Amino acid sequence: MSGMNIWEESVGDDIWIVGVNGRLDQNLNPILEQHLTTLLDEGRTRLVVDLSQTNYINSGGLRTLVTGWRKARQQQGNLVLCGLDGRLQEIFGMVGFDQLFQIYPNRQAAQQGLSQL
């Protein structure tokens, strides 16, 4: 497994995109958590998690995202999501996380949403 399953890039305006390729399960959750924690510890509190290449998420993955979201909010930032496919949207709806997270169709929309912070 290459480290490219989780990637991050800065997109100006101090917004960081963290992308997930593949399945957010027990293998990838700790890696995602590490990325989010590192960024937040560095004071990068405007985060977009791009799930357009993600085809599965388990409860641990949902927990990881909520933890990141909570930390970002505590630092007056935000963690938003983009690119969820129908299946992921269904899962987020079932657990009520579509109420918790701001979910955007794509990265551009997410960046715009965060720029207004």
N, C-alpha and C. Protein backbone atom coordinates (compact mmCIF):
# COMPACT_ATOMS: atom_id res chain seq x y z
N MET A 1 0.84 -1.20 0.00
CA MET A 1 0.00 0.00 0.00
C MET A 1 0.87 1.25 0.00
N SER A 2 0.71 2.10 -0.98
CA SER A 2 1.49 3.34 -1.00
C SER A 2 0.82 4.37 -0.12
N GLY A 3 1.57 5.37 0.27
CA GLY A 3 1.03 6.42 1.10
C GLY A 3 0.10 7.34 0.33
N MET A 4 -0.08 7.06 -0.96
CA MET A 4 -0.88 7.94 -1.78
C MET A 4 -2.37 7.74 -1.59
N ASN A 5 -2.74 6.83 -0.69
CA ASN A 5 -4.17 6.63 -0.44
C ASN A 5 -4.76 7.86 0.23
N ILE A 6 -3.93 8.58 0.95
CA ILE A 6 -4.36 9.84 1.55
C ILE A 6 -3.37 10.89 1.08
N TRP A 7 -3.87 11.97 0.52
CA TRP A 7 -2.98 13.03 0.05
C TRP A 7 -3.51 14.37 0.55
N GLU A 8 -2.64 15.35 0.56
CA GLU A 8 -3.11 16.66 0.97
C GLU A 8 -2.46 17.72 0.11
N GLU A 9 -3.15 18.81 -0.08
CA GLU A 9 -2.55 19.93 -0.80
C GLU A 9 -3.16 21.23 -0.29
N SER A 10 -2.35 22.27 -0.36
CA SER A 10 -2.80 23.59 0.05
C SER A 10 -3.38 24.28 -1.17
N VAL A 11 -4.51 24.93 -1.02
CA VAL A 11 -5.13 25.58 -2.17
C VAL A 11 -5.33 27.07 -1.92
N GLY A 12 -4.37 27.67 -1.24
CA GLY A 12 -4.45 29.12 -1.03
C GLY A 12 -5.53 29.45 -0.02
N ASP A 13 -5.54 30.73 0.41
CA ASP A 13 -6.52 31.15 1.42
C ASP A 13 -6.38 30.32 2.68
N ASP A 14 -5.22 29.71 2.85
CA ASP A 14 -4.98 28.83 4.00
C ASP A 14 -6.02 27.72 4.09
N ILE A 15 -6.44 27.21 2.95
CA ILE A 15 -7.36 26.07 2.93
C ILE A 15 -6.57 24.84 2.49
N TRP A 16 -6.78 23.75 3.19
CA TRP A 16 -6.09 22.50 2.86
C TRP A 16 -7.09 21.45 2.44
N ILE A 17 -6.76 20.76 1.38
CA ILE A 17 -7.60 19.65 0.92
C ILE A 17 -6.92 18.35 1.32
N VAL A 18 -7.67 17.47 1.93
CA VAL A 18 -7.17 16.13 2.26
C VAL A 18 -8.03 15.15 1.47
N GLY A 19 -7.41 14.40 0.60
CA GLY A 19 -8.17 13.48 -0.24
C GLY A 19 -7.97 12.04 0.20
N VAL A 20 -9.01 11.26 0.02
CA VAL A 20 -8.97 9.84 0.38
C VAL A 20 -9.25 9.02 -0.86
N ASN A 21 -8.33 8.14 -1.21
CA ASN A 21 -8.54 7.24 -2.34
C ASN A 21 -8.83 5.83 -1.81
N GLY A 22 -10.01 5.33 -2.13
CA GLY A 22 -10.31 3.95 -1.75
C GLY A 22 -11.25 3.85 -0.57
N ARG A 23 -10.97 2.90 0.31
CA ARG A 23 -11.89 2.57 1.39
C ARG A 23 -11.41 3.17 2.71
N LEU A 24 -12.30 3.93 3.36
CA LEU A 24 -11.97 4.45 4.69
C LEU A 24 -12.35 3.38 5.70
N ASP A 25 -11.39 2.51 5.99
CA ASP A 25 -11.64 1.42 6.92
C ASP A 25 -10.50 1.38 7.92
N GLN A 26 -10.37 0.28 8.63
CA GLN A 26 -9.37 0.24 9.70
C GLN A 26 -7.94 0.46 9.18
N ASN A 27 -7.71 0.23 7.89
CA ASN A 27 -6.37 0.47 7.34
C ASN A 27 -6.10 1.95 7.14
N LEU A 28 -7.06 2.66 6.60
CA LEU A 28 -6.84 4.06 6.24
C LEU A 28 -7.22 5.05 7.34
N ASN A 29 -8.14 4.68 8.22
CA ASN A 29 -8.59 5.62 9.24
C ASN A 29 -7.44 6.22 10.06
N PRO A 30 -6.50 5.38 10.54
CA PRO A 30 -5.41 5.96 11.35
C PRO A 30 -4.56 6.93 10.54
N ILE A 31 -4.40 6.66 9.24
CA ILE A 31 -3.58 7.54 8.40
C ILE A 31 -4.30 8.87 8.20
N LEU A 32 -5.61 8.80 7.95
CA LEU A 32 -6.39 10.03 7.80
C LEU A 32 -6.34 10.83 9.09
N GLU A 33 -6.50 10.14 10.20
CA GLU A 33 -6.49 10.80 11.51
C GLU A 33 -5.17 11.53 11.73
N GLN A 34 -4.08 10.88 11.34
CA GLN A 34 -2.76 11.46 11.49
C GLN A 34 -2.63 12.74 10.65
N HIS A 35 -3.09 12.69 9.41
CA HIS A 35 -3.04 13.87 8.53
C HIS A 35 -3.82 15.03 9.14
N LEU A 36 -5.06 14.74 9.58
CA LEU A 36 -5.93 15.80 10.10
C LEU A 36 -5.33 16.38 11.38
N THR A 37 -4.85 15.49 12.26
CA THR A 37 -4.27 15.95 13.53
C THR A 37 -3.06 16.84 13.28
N THR A 38 -2.19 16.42 12.36
CA THR A 38 -0.99 17.19 12.06
C THR A 38 -1.35 18.57 11.54
N LEU A 39 -2.28 18.63 10.59
CA LEU A 39 -2.69 19.92 10.03
C LEU A 39 -3.28 20.81 11.11
N LEU A 40 -4.16 20.26 11.93
CA LEU A 40 -4.81 21.05 12.97
C LEU A 40 -3.81 21.51 14.02
N ASP A 41 -2.85 20.65 14.34
CA ASP A 41 -1.82 21.05 15.31
C ASP A 41 -0.96 22.17 14.76
N GLU A 42 -0.85 22.25 13.43
CA GLU A 42 -0.07 23.32 12.81
C GLU A 42 -0.92 24.57 12.64
N GLY A 43 -2.15 24.53 13.15
CA GLY A 43 -3.03 25.69 13.06
C GLY A 43 -3.72 25.83 11.71
N ARG A 44 -3.71 24.75 10.93
CA ARG A 44 -4.44 24.79 9.65
C ARG A 44 -5.84 24.28 9.91
N THR A 45 -6.75 25.21 10.07
CA THR A 45 -8.06 24.84 10.59
C THR A 45 -9.17 24.91 9.54
N ARG A 46 -8.80 25.23 8.30
CA ARG A 46 -9.82 25.23 7.24
C ARG A 46 -9.54 24.06 6.31
N LEU A 47 -10.27 22.99 6.54
CA LEU A 47 -9.97 21.73 5.88
C LEU A 47 -11.13 21.25 5.02
N VAL A 48 -10.78 20.75 3.85
CA VAL A 48 -11.76 20.08 2.99
C VAL A 48 -11.33 18.62 2.90
N VAL A 49 -12.19 17.71 3.25
CA VAL A 49 -11.90 16.30 3.02
C VAL A 49 -12.62 15.89 1.75
N ASP A 50 -11.82 15.56 0.74
CA ASP A 50 -12.34 15.22 -0.58
C ASP A 50 -12.60 13.72 -0.63
N LEU A 51 -13.87 13.35 -0.69
CA LEU A 51 -14.24 11.93 -0.68
C LEU A 51 -14.68 11.44 -2.05
N SER A 52 -14.31 12.19 -3.10
CA SER A 52 -14.77 11.82 -4.44
C SER A 52 -14.15 10.50 -4.91
N GLN A 53 -13.00 10.12 -4.34
CA GLN A 53 -12.38 8.84 -4.72
C GLN A 53 -12.59 7.77 -3.65
N THR A 54 -13.52 8.04 -2.72
CA THR A 54 -13.76 7.12 -1.61
C THR A 54 -15.00 6.31 -1.92
N ASN A 55 -14.89 4.99 -1.82
CA ASN A 55 -16.05 4.16 -2.16
C ASN A 55 -16.63 3.42 -0.96
N TYR A 56 -16.07 3.67 0.21
CA TYR A 56 -16.56 2.96 1.40
C TYR A 56 -16.10 3.71 2.63
N ILE A 57 -16.95 3.76 3.65
CA ILE A 57 -16.52 4.33 4.94
C ILE A 57 -17.15 3.49 6.04
N ASN A 58 -16.37 3.17 7.07
CA ASN A 58 -16.94 2.43 8.20
C ASN A 58 -17.13 3.39 9.38
N SER A 59 -17.61 2.85 10.49
CA SER A 59 -17.94 3.73 11.62
C SER A 59 -16.68 4.43 12.14
N GLY A 60 -15.54 3.75 12.05
CA GLY A 60 -14.28 4.38 12.48
C GLY A 60 -13.93 5.57 11.61
N GLY A 61 -14.23 5.45 10.31
CA GLY A 61 -13.98 6.56 9.40
C GLY A 61 -14.86 7.74 9.72
N LEU A 62 -16.12 7.46 10.02
CA LEU A 62 -17.05 8.53 10.40
C LEU A 62 -16.56 9.21 11.68
N ARG A 63 -16.11 8.40 12.62
CA ARG A 63 -15.61 8.93 13.89
C ARG A 63 -14.40 9.83 13.67
N THR A 64 -13.49 9.38 12.79
CA THR A 64 -12.29 10.15 12.49
C THR A 64 -12.66 11.52 11.94
N LEU A 65 -13.64 11.55 11.05
CA LEU A 65 -14.07 12.83 10.46
C LEU A 65 -14.70 13.74 11.51
N VAL A 66 -15.52 13.15 12.40
CA VAL A 66 -16.17 13.96 13.44
C VAL A 66 -15.13 14.54 14.39
N THR A 67 -14.14 13.73 14.75
CA THR A 67 -13.08 14.21 15.63
C THR A 67 -12.35 15.39 15.00
N GLY A 68 -12.03 15.27 13.71
CA GLY A 68 -11.36 16.35 13.00
C GLY A 68 -12.23 17.59 12.93
N TRP A 69 -13.50 17.39 12.67
CA TRP A 69 -14.45 18.49 12.59
C TRP A 69 -14.51 19.24 13.93
N ARG A 70 -14.60 18.46 15.00
CA ARG A 70 -14.72 19.05 16.34
C ARG A 70 -13.48 19.88 16.67
N LYS A 71 -12.30 19.32 16.38
CA LYS A 71 -11.05 20.04 16.66
C LYS A 71 -10.96 21.33 15.85
N ALA A 72 -11.37 21.25 14.58
CA ALA A 72 -11.32 22.44 13.72
C ALA A 72 -12.25 23.51 14.27
N ARG A 73 -13.44 23.12 14.70
CA ARG A 73 -14.41 24.08 15.24
C ARG A 73 -13.88 24.71 16.52
N GLN A 74 -13.24 23.93 17.35
CA GLN A 74 -12.67 24.46 18.60
C GLN A 74 -11.64 25.54 18.31
N GLN A 75 -11.01 25.45 17.14
CA GLN A 75 -9.99 26.44 16.77
C GLN A 75 -10.57 27.49 15.81
N GLN A 76 -11.89 27.68 15.87
CA GLN A 76 -12.57 28.66 15.01
C GLN A 76 -12.42 28.35 13.52
N GLY A 77 -12.18 27.10 13.20
CA GLY A 77 -12.07 26.72 11.81
C GLY A 77 -13.26 25.87 11.41
N ASN A 78 -13.08 25.07 10.38
CA ASN A 78 -14.14 24.16 9.98
C ASN A 78 -13.53 23.04 9.16
N LEU A 79 -14.20 21.91 9.16
CA LEU A 79 -13.83 20.80 8.30
C LEU A 79 -15.08 20.48 7.50
N VAL A 80 -14.98 20.60 6.19
CA VAL A 80 -16.12 20.33 5.33
C VAL A 80 -15.78 19.16 4.41
N LEU A 81 -16.81 18.60 3.81
CA LEU A 81 -16.62 17.42 2.96
C LEU A 81 -17.06 17.75 1.55
N CYS A 82 -16.49 17.04 0.58
CA CYS A 82 -16.98 17.21 -0.79
C CYS A 82 -16.85 15.90 -1.55
N GLY A 83 -17.66 15.81 -2.61
CA GLY A 83 -17.53 14.71 -3.56
C GLY A 83 -18.09 13.37 -3.14
N LEU A 84 -19.04 13.36 -2.21
CA LEU A 84 -19.60 12.08 -1.78
C LEU A 84 -20.46 11.48 -2.88
N ASP A 85 -20.27 10.19 -3.15
CA ASP A 85 -21.15 9.53 -4.11
C ASP A 85 -22.48 9.17 -3.43
N GLY A 86 -23.39 8.64 -4.21
CA GLY A 86 -24.73 8.34 -3.70
C GLY A 86 -24.71 7.45 -2.47
N ARG A 87 -23.85 6.44 -2.51
CA ARG A 87 -23.77 5.49 -1.41
C ARG A 87 -23.30 6.18 -0.13
N LEU A 88 -22.25 6.99 -0.24
CA LEU A 88 -21.73 7.69 0.94
C LEU A 88 -22.76 8.69 1.47
N GLN A 89 -23.44 9.37 0.55
CA GLN A 89 -24.47 10.33 0.98
C GLN A 89 -25.55 9.62 1.78
N GLU A 90 -25.88 8.42 1.33
CA GLU A 90 -26.89 7.61 2.02
C GLU A 90 -26.44 7.30 3.45
N ILE A 91 -25.17 6.87 3.58
CA ILE A 91 -24.63 6.53 4.90
C ILE A 91 -24.64 7.77 5.80
N PHE A 92 -24.18 8.89 5.27
CA PHE A 92 -24.14 10.11 6.07
C PHE A 92 -25.55 10.54 6.48
N GLY A 93 -26.51 10.34 5.57
CA GLY A 93 -27.90 10.67 5.89
C GLY A 93 -28.45 9.77 6.98
N MET A 94 -28.12 8.48 6.91
CA MET A 94 -28.64 7.50 7.87
C MET A 94 -28.18 7.83 9.29
N VAL A 95 -26.92 8.28 9.43
CA VAL A 95 -26.41 8.55 10.78
C VAL A 95 -26.59 10.02 11.16
N GLY A 96 -27.22 10.79 10.27
CA GLY A 96 -27.51 12.18 10.60
C GLY A 96 -26.34 13.12 10.41
N PHE A 97 -25.26 12.64 9.80
CA PHE A 97 -24.08 13.48 9.65
C PHE A 97 -24.22 14.50 8.53
N ASP A 98 -25.28 14.33 7.72
CA ASP A 98 -25.52 15.36 6.70
C ASP A 98 -26.00 16.65 7.36
N GLN A 99 -26.43 16.54 8.63
CA GLN A 99 -26.81 17.73 9.40
C GLN A 99 -25.60 18.36 10.07
N LEU A 100 -24.60 17.54 10.36
CA LEU A 100 -23.43 17.99 11.11
C LEU A 100 -22.43 18.66 10.19
N PHE A 101 -22.11 17.99 9.10
CA PHE A 101 -21.09 18.48 8.18
C PHE A 101 -21.69 19.35 7.09
N GLN A 102 -20.91 20.34 6.66
CA GLN A 102 -21.26 21.01 5.41
C GLN A 102 -20.70 20.13 4.30
N ILE A 103 -21.57 19.70 3.40
CA ILE A 103 -21.18 18.78 2.34
C ILE A 103 -21.36 19.47 0.99
N TYR A 104 -20.30 19.55 0.23
CA TYR A 104 -20.33 20.24 -1.06
C TYR A 104 -20.18 19.24 -2.20
N PRO A 105 -20.71 19.59 -3.38
CA PRO A 105 -20.62 18.66 -4.51
C PRO A 105 -19.18 18.46 -4.99
N ASN A 106 -18.35 19.52 -4.90
CA ASN A 106 -16.99 19.39 -5.41
C ASN A 106 -16.04 20.32 -4.65
N ARG A 107 -14.76 20.21 -5.00
CA ARG A 107 -13.74 20.96 -4.28
C ARG A 107 -13.91 22.46 -4.42
N GLN A 108 -14.27 22.90 -5.62
CA GLN A 108 -14.42 24.35 -5.86
C GLN A 108 -15.48 24.92 -4.92
N ALA A 109 -16.62 24.24 -4.85
CA ALA A 109 -17.70 24.71 -3.99
C ALA A 109 -17.26 24.71 -2.53
N ALA A 110 -16.53 23.67 -2.13
CA ALA A 110 -16.07 23.57 -0.75
C ALA A 110 -15.10 24.71 -0.42
N GLN A 111 -14.18 25.01 -1.35
CA GLN A 111 -13.23 26.09 -1.13
C GLN A 111 -13.96 27.42 -0.98
N GLN A 112 -14.96 27.63 -1.82
CA GLN A 112 -15.74 28.87 -1.74
C GLN A 112 -16.43 28.96 -0.39
N GLY A 113 -17.01 27.86 0.04
CA GLY A 113 -17.71 27.83 1.32
C GLY A 113 -16.77 28.20 2.46
N LEU A 114 -15.56 27.67 2.41
CA LEU A 114 -14.60 27.92 3.49
C LEU A 114 -14.00 29.33 3.40
N SER A 115 -13.91 29.88 2.20
CA SER A 115 -13.31 31.20 2.05
C SER A 115 -14.12 32.25 2.80
N GLN A 116 -15.39 31.93 3.03
CA GLN A 116 -16.25 32.92 3.69
C GLN A 116 -16.13 32.87 5.20
N LEU A 117 -15.33 31.98 5.71
CA LEU A 117 -15.15 31.87 7.17
C LEU A 117 -14.56 33.14 7.74
